[in-house]
Amino acid sequence: MRVPNSVVLPVGTHVDCCQEEEVEEKRRDIMAKITAMLAERKSNLAHFIDNLEGSEEPEFYVDQWERLKEMESCTLTILNLVAVNCMDNRDIKKLEAAILEHVKNEELFPEVVRVLPPIYRQVEAAIVDIAQSEEMAYHGMMDLQYLLSKLSQCEHLANLGRELLQDILRYLHRIGLVVWYEEIKHLESTVFLQPTFLITMFKLLVRYRLVQQLESIS
């Protein structure tokens, strides 16, 4: 919701736990809830903006107003939910085919036709090799300068500069190969070569109804 021109593909799992007629019913229910959630978000943003604009001293809230206006301008495309049975490889293939079909849609992803310089592919391949090497730590975190030095050891990347590497990392971050929080000061010099590690960490730290779960413990 905070990323401009986001595209979201909802995926419903555990189809094997439902009756066949339930699947479509649940699909409609989930999509209706998503639509309602987006409408509520849009209404809340408009309400917050109106409150700031109508305050007695709006000049004190310019930064907050700008952030809200920026969020309000973010478009969010929700695709039709794909229901899968994760125990069935045919359903996994069906999900894979759906993702590829959407990704190739130029209306959803205009950059899909962008022609990248060969060095982008070379750096991407080198980073994959580094991430899969035995010396790579399990967490996959690497200092940006150290990553540059490792890549520069490759003969065809000897002249790779920091600015070009940062441009390539922004691209690799957008396609999900790496995670690089360049906008966060304390993380701008760290590149996560194993995004799945972050997902595992977030699953441990950010949990649904965590407060209620903690409060239920005597």
N, C-alpha and C. Protein backbone atom coordinates (compact mmCIF):
# COMPACT_ATOMS: atom_id res chain seq x y z
N MET A 1 0.82 -1.21 0.00
CA MET A 1 0.00 0.00 0.00
C MET A 1 0.85 1.26 0.00
N ARG A 2 2.13 1.13 0.32
CA ARG A 2 3.01 2.30 0.38
C ARG A 2 3.95 2.37 -0.82
N VAL A 3 3.84 1.42 -1.74
CA VAL A 3 4.73 1.38 -2.89
C VAL A 3 3.95 1.81 -4.13
N PRO A 4 4.45 2.81 -4.85
CA PRO A 4 3.72 3.28 -6.05
C PRO A 4 3.51 2.17 -7.07
N ASN A 5 2.32 2.12 -7.65
CA ASN A 5 1.99 1.18 -8.73
C ASN A 5 2.20 -0.28 -8.33
N SER A 6 1.83 -0.62 -7.11
CA SER A 6 1.97 -2.00 -6.64
C SER A 6 0.95 -2.91 -7.34
N VAL A 7 1.37 -4.15 -7.55
CA VAL A 7 0.49 -5.17 -8.08
C VAL A 7 0.50 -6.34 -7.10
N VAL A 8 -0.68 -6.74 -6.64
CA VAL A 8 -0.78 -7.80 -5.63
C VAL A 8 -1.59 -8.96 -6.18
N LEU A 9 -1.03 -10.15 -6.05
CA LEU A 9 -1.74 -11.36 -6.45
C LEU A 9 -2.09 -12.15 -5.19
N PRO A 10 -3.35 -12.10 -4.73
CA PRO A 10 -3.72 -12.89 -3.55
C PRO A 10 -3.69 -14.38 -3.89
N VAL A 11 -3.19 -15.18 -2.96
CA VAL A 11 -3.12 -16.63 -3.14
C VAL A 11 -3.81 -17.29 -1.96
N GLY A 12 -4.82 -18.09 -2.25
CA GLY A 12 -5.52 -18.84 -1.20
C GLY A 12 -5.01 -20.27 -1.17
N THR A 13 -4.50 -20.68 -0.02
CA THR A 13 -3.95 -22.04 0.11
C THR A 13 -4.95 -22.95 0.84
N HIS A 14 -4.54 -24.19 1.06
CA HIS A 14 -5.34 -25.18 1.79
C HIS A 14 -6.68 -25.48 1.10
N VAL A 15 -6.69 -25.44 -0.23
CA VAL A 15 -7.89 -25.78 -0.97
C VAL A 15 -8.33 -27.21 -0.63
N ASP A 16 -7.35 -28.06 -0.31
CA ASP A 16 -7.66 -29.46 -0.01
C ASP A 16 -8.49 -29.61 1.27
N CYS A 17 -8.56 -28.55 2.08
CA CYS A 17 -9.34 -28.59 3.32
C CYS A 17 -10.78 -28.11 3.10
N CYS A 18 -11.12 -27.76 1.86
CA CYS A 18 -12.44 -27.19 1.57
C CYS A 18 -13.21 -28.09 0.61
N GLN A 19 -14.52 -28.00 0.71
CA GLN A 19 -15.37 -28.61 -0.30
C GLN A 19 -15.25 -27.78 -1.58
N GLU A 20 -15.49 -28.42 -2.71
CA GLU A 20 -15.30 -27.74 -4.00
C GLU A 20 -16.14 -26.47 -4.09
N GLU A 21 -17.41 -26.53 -3.62
CA GLU A 21 -18.28 -25.36 -3.71
C GLU A 21 -17.86 -24.25 -2.74
N GLU A 22 -17.10 -24.63 -1.69
CA GLU A 22 -16.65 -23.63 -0.71
C GLU A 22 -15.57 -22.73 -1.29
N VAL A 23 -14.76 -23.28 -2.18
CA VAL A 23 -13.60 -22.55 -2.69
C VAL A 23 -14.02 -21.25 -3.35
N GLU A 24 -15.01 -21.33 -4.26
CA GLU A 24 -15.47 -20.13 -4.95
C GLU A 24 -16.12 -19.15 -3.98
N GLU A 25 -16.86 -19.69 -3.01
CA GLU A 25 -17.50 -18.84 -2.00
C GLU A 25 -16.46 -18.07 -1.19
N LYS A 26 -15.41 -18.78 -0.79
CA LYS A 26 -14.34 -18.14 -0.01
C LYS A 26 -13.57 -17.14 -0.86
N ARG A 27 -13.38 -17.48 -2.14
CA ARG A 27 -12.68 -16.56 -3.05
C ARG A 27 -13.43 -15.23 -3.13
N ARG A 28 -14.76 -15.31 -3.33
CA ARG A 28 -15.57 -14.09 -3.42
C ARG A 28 -15.52 -13.30 -2.11
N ASP A 29 -15.56 -14.02 -1.00
CA ASP A 29 -15.54 -13.37 0.31
C ASP A 29 -14.21 -12.64 0.54
N ILE A 30 -13.10 -13.28 0.18
CA ILE A 30 -11.78 -12.66 0.36
C ILE A 30 -11.64 -11.43 -0.51
N MET A 31 -12.05 -11.53 -1.77
CA MET A 31 -11.92 -10.39 -2.67
C MET A 31 -12.82 -9.24 -2.21
N ALA A 32 -14.00 -9.57 -1.67
CA ALA A 32 -14.89 -8.52 -1.16
C ALA A 32 -14.27 -7.82 0.04
N LYS A 33 -13.60 -8.60 0.91
CA LYS A 33 -12.95 -8.01 2.08
C LYS A 33 -11.78 -7.12 1.67
N ILE A 34 -11.04 -7.55 0.65
CA ILE A 34 -9.92 -6.73 0.15
C ILE A 34 -10.45 -5.41 -0.41
N THR A 35 -11.52 -5.49 -1.19
CA THR A 35 -12.13 -4.28 -1.76
C THR A 35 -12.58 -3.33 -0.66
N ALA A 36 -13.22 -3.90 0.37
CA ALA A 36 -13.69 -3.08 1.49
C ALA A 36 -12.52 -2.46 2.24
N MET A 37 -11.43 -3.22 2.41
CA MET A 37 -10.25 -2.73 3.11
C MET A 37 -9.63 -1.55 2.37
N LEU A 38 -9.55 -1.65 1.03
CA LEU A 38 -8.98 -0.57 0.23
C LEU A 38 -9.85 0.67 0.29
N ALA A 39 -11.17 0.46 0.26
CA ALA A 39 -12.09 1.60 0.33
C ALA A 39 -11.97 2.30 1.68
N GLU A 40 -11.84 1.50 2.75
CA GLU A 40 -11.70 2.08 4.09
C GLU A 40 -10.39 2.85 4.20
N ARG A 41 -9.32 2.30 3.63
CA ARG A 41 -8.02 2.97 3.66
C ARG A 41 -8.11 4.31 2.93
N LYS A 42 -8.74 4.32 1.75
CA LYS A 42 -8.87 5.55 0.98
C LYS A 42 -9.67 6.59 1.76
N SER A 43 -10.74 6.14 2.41
CA SER A 43 -11.58 7.04 3.20
C SER A 43 -10.81 7.60 4.39
N ASN A 44 -10.05 6.73 5.06
CA ASN A 44 -9.28 7.17 6.24
C ASN A 44 -8.21 8.18 5.85
N LEU A 45 -7.52 7.93 4.73
CA LEU A 45 -6.49 8.87 4.28
C LEU A 45 -7.11 10.24 3.98
N ALA A 46 -8.23 10.23 3.29
CA ALA A 46 -8.91 11.49 2.96
C ALA A 46 -9.34 12.21 4.23
N HIS A 47 -9.79 11.45 5.23
CA HIS A 47 -10.22 12.03 6.51
C HIS A 47 -9.04 12.68 7.23
N PHE A 48 -7.89 11.95 7.27
CA PHE A 48 -6.70 12.49 7.94
C PHE A 48 -6.21 13.76 7.25
N ILE A 49 -6.22 13.75 5.91
CA ILE A 49 -5.77 14.91 5.14
C ILE A 49 -6.68 16.10 5.40
N ASP A 50 -7.98 15.85 5.41
CA ASP A 50 -8.94 16.94 5.68
C ASP A 50 -8.72 17.53 7.07
N ASN A 51 -8.44 16.67 8.04
CA ASN A 51 -8.21 17.13 9.42
C ASN A 51 -6.98 18.05 9.48
N LEU A 52 -5.92 17.63 8.78
CA LEU A 52 -4.69 18.45 8.80
C LEU A 52 -4.92 19.78 8.10
N GLU A 53 -5.62 19.73 6.96
CA GLU A 53 -5.87 20.97 6.22
C GLU A 53 -6.79 21.91 6.99
N GLY A 54 -7.65 21.33 7.82
CA GLY A 54 -8.59 22.15 8.56
C GLY A 54 -8.12 22.54 9.95
N SER A 55 -6.88 22.15 10.31
CA SER A 55 -6.36 22.48 11.64
C SER A 55 -6.06 23.97 11.74
N GLU A 56 -5.97 24.45 12.97
CA GLU A 56 -5.75 25.88 13.19
C GLU A 56 -4.37 26.33 12.71
N GLU A 57 -3.38 25.45 12.81
CA GLU A 57 -2.02 25.82 12.39
C GLU A 57 -1.49 24.74 11.43
N PRO A 58 -2.02 24.66 10.22
CA PRO A 58 -1.64 23.60 9.27
C PRO A 58 -0.17 23.61 8.89
N GLU A 59 0.50 24.76 9.04
CA GLU A 59 1.92 24.81 8.66
C GLU A 59 2.79 23.89 9.52
N PHE A 60 2.30 23.54 10.72
CA PHE A 60 3.07 22.65 11.60
C PHE A 60 2.97 21.19 11.15
N TYR A 61 2.04 20.91 10.24
CA TYR A 61 1.81 19.52 9.85
C TYR A 61 2.12 19.27 8.37
N VAL A 62 2.96 20.14 7.79
CA VAL A 62 3.25 20.03 6.36
C VAL A 62 3.89 18.68 6.02
N ASP A 63 4.88 18.24 6.83
CA ASP A 63 5.56 16.97 6.54
C ASP A 63 4.59 15.80 6.59
N GLN A 64 3.75 15.79 7.61
CA GLN A 64 2.77 14.72 7.74
C GLN A 64 1.76 14.76 6.59
N TRP A 65 1.33 15.97 6.21
CA TRP A 65 0.39 16.12 5.10
C TRP A 65 0.99 15.60 3.80
N GLU A 66 2.28 15.92 3.56
CA GLU A 66 2.95 15.47 2.34
C GLU A 66 3.04 13.95 2.29
N ARG A 67 3.35 13.33 3.45
CA ARG A 67 3.43 11.86 3.48
C ARG A 67 2.07 11.23 3.18
N LEU A 68 1.02 11.80 3.74
CA LEU A 68 -0.32 11.27 3.50
C LEU A 68 -0.73 11.46 2.04
N LYS A 69 -0.41 12.60 1.45
CA LYS A 69 -0.74 12.84 0.05
C LYS A 69 0.02 11.88 -0.85
N GLU A 70 1.26 11.58 -0.46
CA GLU A 70 2.06 10.62 -1.24
C GLU A 70 1.43 9.23 -1.18
N MET A 71 0.99 8.83 0.03
CA MET A 71 0.33 7.53 0.18
C MET A 71 -0.98 7.50 -0.60
N GLU A 72 -1.68 8.63 -0.62
CA GLU A 72 -2.97 8.70 -1.31
C GLU A 72 -2.79 8.51 -2.82
N SER A 73 -1.63 8.94 -3.33
CA SER A 73 -1.39 8.86 -4.78
C SER A 73 -0.91 7.48 -5.22
N CYS A 74 -0.55 6.62 -4.26
CA CYS A 74 -0.07 5.28 -4.61
C CYS A 74 -1.22 4.44 -5.17
N THR A 75 -1.05 3.92 -6.37
CA THR A 75 -2.07 3.06 -6.94
C THR A 75 -1.79 1.61 -6.55
N LEU A 76 -2.85 0.84 -6.40
CA LEU A 76 -2.71 -0.55 -5.98
C LEU A 76 -3.62 -1.41 -6.83
N THR A 77 -3.04 -2.31 -7.60
CA THR A 77 -3.81 -3.20 -8.46
C THR A 77 -3.92 -4.56 -7.79
N ILE A 78 -5.15 -5.00 -7.54
CA ILE A 78 -5.37 -6.31 -6.93
C ILE A 78 -5.85 -7.27 -8.01
N LEU A 79 -5.10 -8.33 -8.24
CA LEU A 79 -5.47 -9.32 -9.24
C LEU A 79 -6.43 -10.34 -8.63
N ASN A 80 -7.06 -11.14 -9.47
CA ASN A 80 -7.97 -12.16 -8.97
C ASN A 80 -7.22 -13.23 -8.18
N LEU A 81 -7.81 -13.63 -7.07
CA LEU A 81 -7.18 -14.61 -6.19
C LEU A 81 -7.00 -15.95 -6.89
N VAL A 82 -5.83 -16.56 -6.66
CA VAL A 82 -5.55 -17.89 -7.18
C VAL A 82 -5.63 -18.87 -6.01
N ALA A 83 -6.51 -19.87 -6.12
CA ALA A 83 -6.68 -20.86 -5.05
C ALA A 83 -5.87 -22.10 -5.38
N VAL A 84 -5.05 -22.56 -4.42
CA VAL A 84 -4.17 -23.71 -4.69
C VAL A 84 -4.15 -24.68 -3.51
N ASN A 85 -3.88 -25.92 -3.85
CA ASN A 85 -3.58 -26.96 -2.87
C ASN A 85 -2.06 -27.14 -2.88
N CYS A 86 -1.41 -26.68 -1.83
CA CYS A 86 0.06 -26.70 -1.80
C CYS A 86 0.64 -28.11 -1.79
N MET A 87 -0.22 -29.11 -1.55
CA MET A 87 0.24 -30.50 -1.54
C MET A 87 0.23 -31.10 -2.94
N ASP A 88 -0.34 -30.36 -3.88
CA ASP A 88 -0.48 -30.87 -5.25
C ASP A 88 0.45 -30.09 -6.17
N ASN A 89 1.42 -30.75 -6.76
CA ASN A 89 2.39 -30.08 -7.61
C ASN A 89 1.74 -29.43 -8.83
N ARG A 90 0.61 -30.00 -9.28
CA ARG A 90 -0.09 -29.40 -10.43
C ARG A 90 -0.61 -28.01 -10.09
N ASP A 91 -1.05 -27.83 -8.84
CA ASP A 91 -1.52 -26.51 -8.42
C ASP A 91 -0.37 -25.52 -8.30
N ILE A 92 0.79 -26.00 -7.87
CA ILE A 92 1.97 -25.13 -7.79
C ILE A 92 2.34 -24.66 -9.20
N LYS A 93 2.27 -25.57 -10.15
CA LYS A 93 2.54 -25.21 -11.54
C LYS A 93 1.50 -24.22 -12.05
N LYS A 94 0.25 -24.41 -11.62
CA LYS A 94 -0.81 -23.49 -12.03
C LYS A 94 -0.54 -22.08 -11.49
N LEU A 95 -0.08 -22.01 -10.24
CA LEU A 95 0.25 -20.71 -9.65
C LEU A 95 1.43 -20.08 -10.38
N GLU A 96 2.44 -20.90 -10.67
CA GLU A 96 3.61 -20.40 -11.40
C GLU A 96 3.21 -19.82 -12.76
N ALA A 97 2.34 -20.54 -13.45
CA ALA A 97 1.88 -20.08 -14.77
C ALA A 97 1.10 -18.77 -14.65
N ALA A 98 0.29 -18.65 -13.59
CA ALA A 98 -0.50 -17.42 -13.39
C ALA A 98 0.42 -16.23 -13.13
N ILE A 99 1.44 -16.45 -12.30
CA ILE A 99 2.40 -15.37 -12.00
C ILE A 99 3.12 -14.93 -13.27
N LEU A 100 3.61 -15.89 -14.05
CA LEU A 100 4.34 -15.55 -15.27
C LEU A 100 3.44 -14.82 -16.26
N GLU A 101 2.18 -15.24 -16.35
CA GLU A 101 1.24 -14.58 -17.27
C GLU A 101 1.04 -13.12 -16.88
N HIS A 102 0.90 -12.86 -15.58
CA HIS A 102 0.70 -11.49 -15.12
C HIS A 102 1.97 -10.65 -15.31
N VAL A 103 3.12 -11.24 -15.02
CA VAL A 103 4.38 -10.51 -15.11
C VAL A 103 4.66 -10.07 -16.55
N LYS A 104 4.21 -10.87 -17.50
CA LYS A 104 4.44 -10.55 -18.91
C LYS A 104 3.44 -9.53 -19.45
N ASN A 105 2.49 -9.14 -18.61
CA ASN A 105 1.48 -8.17 -19.01
C ASN A 105 2.09 -6.76 -18.96
N GLU A 106 2.29 -6.16 -20.13
CA GLU A 106 2.96 -4.86 -20.20
C GLU A 106 2.13 -3.75 -19.55
N GLU A 107 0.81 -3.92 -19.49
CA GLU A 107 -0.02 -2.90 -18.85
C GLU A 107 0.22 -2.89 -17.33
N LEU A 108 0.43 -4.08 -16.76
CA LEU A 108 0.70 -4.17 -15.32
C LEU A 108 2.14 -3.82 -15.00
N PHE A 109 3.06 -4.29 -15.85
CA PHE A 109 4.49 -4.09 -15.61
C PHE A 109 5.15 -3.50 -16.85
N PRO A 110 5.09 -2.17 -17.00
CA PRO A 110 5.66 -1.53 -18.19
C PRO A 110 7.14 -1.82 -18.37
N GLU A 111 7.87 -2.05 -17.25
CA GLU A 111 9.31 -2.23 -17.37
C GLU A 111 9.69 -3.62 -17.87
N VAL A 112 8.68 -4.48 -18.10
CA VAL A 112 8.99 -5.83 -18.53
C VAL A 112 9.68 -5.82 -19.90
N VAL A 113 9.47 -4.74 -20.68
CA VAL A 113 10.09 -4.67 -22.00
C VAL A 113 11.39 -3.87 -21.98
N ARG A 114 11.79 -3.44 -20.79
CA ARG A 114 13.02 -2.65 -20.70
C ARG A 114 14.24 -3.50 -21.04
N VAL A 115 15.11 -2.98 -21.89
CA VAL A 115 16.32 -3.69 -22.27
C VAL A 115 17.44 -3.28 -21.32
N LEU A 116 17.99 -4.25 -20.61
CA LEU A 116 19.03 -3.98 -19.62
C LEU A 116 20.41 -4.16 -20.23
N PRO A 117 21.38 -3.35 -19.81
CA PRO A 117 22.76 -3.55 -20.27
C PRO A 117 23.26 -4.92 -19.82
N PRO A 118 24.16 -5.53 -20.60
CA PRO A 118 24.68 -6.87 -20.25
C PRO A 118 25.27 -6.95 -18.84
N ILE A 119 25.85 -5.84 -18.36
CA ILE A 119 26.50 -5.88 -17.04
C ILE A 119 25.48 -6.15 -15.93
N TYR A 120 24.20 -5.79 -16.15
CA TYR A 120 23.17 -6.09 -15.15
C TYR A 120 23.05 -7.60 -14.97
N ARG A 121 23.01 -8.32 -16.08
CA ARG A 121 22.91 -9.78 -16.03
C ARG A 121 24.18 -10.39 -15.41
N GLN A 122 25.32 -9.82 -15.75
CA GLN A 122 26.59 -10.34 -15.23
C GLN A 122 26.67 -10.18 -13.72
N VAL A 123 26.27 -9.01 -13.22
CA VAL A 123 26.27 -8.77 -11.78
C VAL A 123 25.25 -9.67 -11.10
N GLU A 124 24.08 -9.80 -11.71
CA GLU A 124 23.03 -10.66 -11.14
C GLU A 124 23.54 -12.10 -11.00
N ALA A 125 24.17 -12.61 -12.05
CA ALA A 125 24.69 -13.99 -12.02
C ALA A 125 25.78 -14.13 -10.96
N ALA A 126 26.65 -13.12 -10.86
CA ALA A 126 27.74 -13.16 -9.87
C ALA A 126 27.18 -13.13 -8.44
N ILE A 127 26.15 -12.32 -8.21
CA ILE A 127 25.54 -12.24 -6.88
C ILE A 127 24.88 -13.57 -6.51
N VAL A 128 24.24 -14.21 -7.48
CA VAL A 128 23.64 -15.53 -7.23
C VAL A 128 24.72 -16.53 -6.83
N ASP A 129 25.86 -16.50 -7.52
CA ASP A 129 26.97 -17.40 -7.19
C ASP A 129 27.48 -17.14 -5.77
N ILE A 130 27.61 -15.86 -5.40
CA ILE A 130 28.09 -15.50 -4.06
C ILE A 130 27.10 -15.98 -3.00
N ALA A 131 25.80 -15.76 -3.27
CA ALA A 131 24.76 -16.14 -2.30
C ALA A 131 24.71 -17.65 -2.10
N GLN A 132 25.06 -18.41 -3.13
CA GLN A 132 24.99 -19.87 -3.05
C GLN A 132 26.31 -20.51 -2.64
N SER A 133 27.35 -19.70 -2.48
CA SER A 133 28.66 -20.25 -2.13
C SER A 133 28.69 -20.72 -0.68
N GLU A 134 29.57 -21.63 -0.37
CA GLU A 134 29.67 -22.20 0.97
C GLU A 134 30.12 -21.17 2.00
N GLU A 135 30.88 -20.17 1.57
CA GLU A 135 31.38 -19.16 2.51
C GLU A 135 30.31 -18.15 2.91
N MET A 136 29.16 -18.16 2.20
CA MET A 136 28.10 -17.22 2.51
C MET A 136 27.40 -17.60 3.81
N ALA A 137 27.30 -16.65 4.74
CA ALA A 137 26.63 -16.90 6.01
C ALA A 137 25.15 -17.20 5.78
N TYR A 138 24.54 -17.93 6.70
CA TYR A 138 23.15 -18.35 6.56
C TYR A 138 22.21 -17.16 6.42
N HIS A 139 22.50 -16.07 7.15
CA HIS A 139 21.62 -14.91 7.12
C HIS A 139 21.72 -14.13 5.81
N GLY A 140 22.79 -14.35 5.04
CA GLY A 140 22.90 -13.72 3.73
C GLY A 140 23.16 -12.23 3.74
N MET A 141 23.55 -11.68 4.89
CA MET A 141 23.82 -10.24 4.97
C MET A 141 25.26 -9.96 4.54
N MET A 142 25.45 -8.90 3.77
CA MET A 142 26.80 -8.57 3.31
C MET A 142 26.94 -7.05 3.22
N ASP A 143 28.10 -6.56 3.67
CA ASP A 143 28.39 -5.14 3.58
C ASP A 143 28.48 -4.74 2.10
N LEU A 144 27.92 -3.59 1.78
CA LEU A 144 27.88 -3.13 0.39
C LEU A 144 29.27 -3.00 -0.20
N GLN A 145 30.20 -2.41 0.54
CA GLN A 145 31.56 -2.22 0.04
C GLN A 145 32.26 -3.57 -0.16
N TYR A 146 31.99 -4.50 0.78
CA TYR A 146 32.59 -5.84 0.66
C TYR A 146 32.02 -6.57 -0.56
N LEU A 147 30.72 -6.40 -0.80
CA LEU A 147 30.10 -7.00 -1.98
C LEU A 147 30.74 -6.46 -3.25
N LEU A 148 31.00 -5.14 -3.27
CA LEU A 148 31.64 -4.53 -4.43
C LEU A 148 33.02 -5.13 -4.66
N SER A 149 33.77 -5.33 -3.57
CA SER A 149 35.12 -5.90 -3.70
C SER A 149 35.06 -7.35 -4.20
N LYS A 150 34.05 -8.10 -3.73
CA LYS A 150 33.90 -9.50 -4.17
C LYS A 150 33.56 -9.55 -5.66
N LEU A 151 32.65 -8.67 -6.08
CA LEU A 151 32.26 -8.65 -7.49
C LEU A 151 33.42 -8.20 -8.38
N SER A 152 34.23 -7.27 -7.88
CA SER A 152 35.35 -6.74 -8.65
C SER A 152 36.43 -7.79 -8.89
N GLN A 153 36.38 -8.87 -8.13
CA GLN A 153 37.35 -9.95 -8.31
C GLN A 153 37.05 -10.76 -9.58
N CYS A 154 35.80 -10.63 -10.07
CA CYS A 154 35.46 -11.29 -11.33
C CYS A 154 36.11 -10.51 -12.47
N GLU A 155 36.74 -11.21 -13.37
CA GLU A 155 37.51 -10.56 -14.42
C GLU A 155 36.68 -9.58 -15.24
N HIS A 156 35.46 -9.96 -15.58
CA HIS A 156 34.62 -9.11 -16.43
C HIS A 156 33.93 -7.99 -15.64
N LEU A 157 34.12 -7.97 -14.30
CA LEU A 157 33.52 -6.93 -13.46
C LEU A 157 34.58 -6.11 -12.74
N ALA A 158 35.81 -6.18 -13.22
CA ALA A 158 36.92 -5.51 -12.54
C ALA A 158 36.72 -4.00 -12.45
N ASN A 159 36.02 -3.42 -13.42
CA ASN A 159 35.84 -1.97 -13.45
C ASN A 159 34.48 -1.52 -12.89
N LEU A 160 33.79 -2.43 -12.21
CA LEU A 160 32.49 -2.10 -11.64
C LEU A 160 32.63 -1.05 -10.55
N GLY A 161 31.92 0.07 -10.70
CA GLY A 161 31.98 1.15 -9.71
C GLY A 161 30.83 1.07 -8.73
N ARG A 162 30.95 1.79 -7.63
CA ARG A 162 29.94 1.76 -6.58
C ARG A 162 28.59 2.30 -7.08
N GLU A 163 28.61 3.40 -7.83
CA GLU A 163 27.35 4.00 -8.29
C GLU A 163 26.60 3.06 -9.22
N LEU A 164 27.33 2.40 -10.14
CA LEU A 164 26.68 1.46 -11.04
C LEU A 164 26.14 0.27 -10.26
N LEU A 165 26.91 -0.22 -9.29
CA LEU A 165 26.44 -1.34 -8.46
C LEU A 165 25.15 -0.96 -7.74
N GLN A 166 25.08 0.28 -7.24
CA GLN A 166 23.88 0.71 -6.53
C GLN A 166 22.67 0.75 -7.47
N ASP A 167 22.89 1.20 -8.71
CA ASP A 167 21.80 1.19 -9.70
C ASP A 167 21.32 -0.24 -9.96
N ILE A 168 22.28 -1.16 -10.07
CA ILE A 168 21.92 -2.56 -10.33
C ILE A 168 21.22 -3.17 -9.13
N LEU A 169 21.66 -2.81 -7.91
CA LEU A 169 21.02 -3.32 -6.70
C LEU A 169 19.57 -2.83 -6.59
N ARG A 170 19.33 -1.59 -7.02
CA ARG A 170 17.95 -1.07 -7.01
C ARG A 170 17.06 -1.93 -7.92
N TYR A 171 17.60 -2.29 -9.06
CA TYR A 171 16.86 -3.16 -9.99
C TYR A 171 16.64 -4.54 -9.38
N LEU A 172 17.70 -5.12 -8.81
CA LEU A 172 17.60 -6.46 -8.21
C LEU A 172 16.67 -6.46 -7.00
N HIS A 173 16.62 -5.32 -6.29
CA HIS A 173 15.69 -5.18 -5.16
C HIS A 173 14.25 -5.17 -5.68
N ARG A 174 14.02 -4.46 -6.79
CA ARG A 174 12.67 -4.37 -7.34
C ARG A 174 12.16 -5.72 -7.82
N ILE A 175 13.05 -6.57 -8.36
CA ILE A 175 12.60 -7.87 -8.86
C ILE A 175 12.65 -8.93 -7.77
N GLY A 176 13.14 -8.56 -6.57
CA GLY A 176 13.08 -9.46 -5.43
C GLY A 176 14.25 -10.41 -5.27
N LEU A 177 15.32 -10.24 -6.06
CA LEU A 177 16.48 -11.14 -5.92
C LEU A 177 17.26 -10.83 -4.65
N VAL A 178 17.38 -9.56 -4.32
CA VAL A 178 18.05 -9.13 -3.08
C VAL A 178 17.14 -8.13 -2.38
N VAL A 179 17.49 -7.82 -1.14
CA VAL A 179 16.79 -6.76 -0.41
C VAL A 179 17.83 -5.75 0.03
N TRP A 180 17.59 -4.48 -0.34
CA TRP A 180 18.54 -3.41 0.03
C TRP A 180 17.75 -2.19 0.45
N TYR A 181 17.78 -1.90 1.75
CA TYR A 181 17.04 -0.76 2.30
C TYR A 181 17.90 0.49 2.27
N GLU A 182 18.13 1.02 1.08
CA GLU A 182 19.03 2.17 0.95
C GLU A 182 18.47 3.42 1.60
N GLU A 183 17.12 3.47 1.78
CA GLU A 183 16.51 4.67 2.35
C GLU A 183 16.58 4.67 3.88
N ILE A 184 17.00 3.55 4.49
CA ILE A 184 17.12 3.47 5.95
C ILE A 184 18.61 3.63 6.31
N LYS A 185 18.92 4.68 7.03
CA LYS A 185 20.32 5.05 7.28
C LYS A 185 21.13 3.90 7.87
N HIS A 186 20.56 3.22 8.88
CA HIS A 186 21.30 2.16 9.56
C HIS A 186 21.46 0.89 8.71
N LEU A 187 20.74 0.81 7.59
CA LEU A 187 20.79 -0.38 6.75
C LEU A 187 21.31 -0.10 5.35
N GLU A 188 21.63 1.16 5.05
CA GLU A 188 22.00 1.51 3.68
C GLU A 188 23.29 0.85 3.21
N SER A 189 24.13 0.42 4.16
CA SER A 189 25.40 -0.22 3.76
C SER A 189 25.31 -1.75 3.85
N THR A 190 24.11 -2.30 4.04
CA THR A 190 23.93 -3.74 4.15
C THR A 190 23.01 -4.24 3.04
N VAL A 191 23.45 -5.30 2.37
CA VAL A 191 22.65 -5.92 1.32
C VAL A 191 22.26 -7.33 1.79
N PHE A 192 20.99 -7.65 1.68
CA PHE A 192 20.51 -8.98 2.07
C PHE A 192 20.44 -9.85 0.81
N LEU A 193 21.36 -10.77 0.71
CA LEU A 193 21.43 -11.63 -0.47
C LEU A 193 20.48 -12.82 -0.36
N GLN A 194 19.93 -13.04 0.85
CA GLN A 194 19.00 -14.15 1.07
C GLN A 194 17.68 -13.57 1.61
N PRO A 195 16.83 -13.02 0.75
CA PRO A 195 15.57 -12.43 1.23
C PRO A 195 14.72 -13.39 2.04
N THR A 196 14.83 -14.70 1.78
CA THR A 196 14.02 -15.67 2.53
C THR A 196 14.37 -15.67 4.01
N PHE A 197 15.61 -15.30 4.35
CA PHE A 197 15.98 -15.22 5.76
C PHE A 197 15.17 -14.13 6.46
N LEU A 198 14.98 -12.99 5.76
CA LEU A 198 14.19 -11.90 6.33
C LEU A 198 12.74 -12.34 6.55
N ILE A 199 12.22 -13.12 5.60
CA ILE A 199 10.85 -13.61 5.73
C ILE A 199 10.73 -14.48 6.98
N THR A 200 11.72 -15.35 7.18
CA THR A 200 11.72 -16.21 8.37
C THR A 200 11.77 -15.37 9.65
N MET A 201 12.60 -14.33 9.64
CA MET A 201 12.70 -13.46 10.82
C MET A 201 11.39 -12.73 11.08
N PHE A 202 10.79 -12.20 10.02
CA PHE A 202 9.54 -11.48 10.17
C PHE A 202 8.43 -12.39 10.70
N LYS A 203 8.45 -13.67 10.26
CA LYS A 203 7.44 -14.62 10.73
C LYS A 203 7.58 -14.87 12.23
N LEU A 204 8.80 -14.78 12.72
CA LEU A 204 9.04 -14.98 14.16
C LEU A 204 8.64 -13.75 14.97
N LEU A 205 8.85 -12.57 14.37
CA LEU A 205 8.67 -11.32 15.12
C LEU A 205 7.29 -10.69 14.92
N VAL A 206 6.77 -10.80 13.70
CA VAL A 206 5.50 -10.16 13.39
C VAL A 206 4.45 -11.25 13.20
N ARG A 207 3.55 -11.38 14.15
CA ARG A 207 2.58 -12.46 14.10
C ARG A 207 1.17 -11.92 14.26
N TYR A 208 0.23 -12.57 13.61
CA TYR A 208 -1.17 -12.17 13.70
C TYR A 208 -1.67 -12.35 15.13
N ARG A 209 -2.34 -11.34 15.67
CA ARG A 209 -2.91 -11.36 17.01
C ARG A 209 -1.85 -11.66 18.08
N LEU A 210 -0.63 -11.14 17.86
CA LEU A 210 0.46 -11.41 18.81
C LEU A 210 0.15 -10.87 20.20
N VAL A 211 -0.39 -9.64 20.25
CA VAL A 211 -0.70 -9.04 21.55
C VAL A 211 -1.71 -9.91 22.31
N GLN A 212 -2.75 -10.36 21.60
CA GLN A 212 -3.76 -11.19 22.26
C GLN A 212 -3.16 -12.51 22.72
N GLN A 213 -2.25 -13.09 21.91
CA GLN A 213 -1.60 -14.34 22.30
C GLN A 213 -0.78 -14.15 23.58
N LEU A 214 -0.06 -13.04 23.65
CA LEU A 214 0.76 -12.78 24.83
C LEU A 214 -0.10 -12.54 26.05
N GLU A 215 -1.19 -11.80 25.86
CA GLU A 215 -2.08 -11.50 27.00
C GLU A 215 -2.78 -12.73 27.52
N SER A 216 -2.94 -13.75 26.66
CA SER A 216 -3.64 -14.96 27.11
C SER A 216 -2.76 -15.87 27.97
N ILE A 217 -1.45 -15.55 28.00
CA ILE A 217 -0.53 -16.37 28.81
C ILE A 217 -0.62 -15.91 30.26
N SER A 218 -0.90 -16.84 31.15
CA SER A 218 -1.06 -16.47 32.56
C SER A 218 0.28 -16.10 33.19
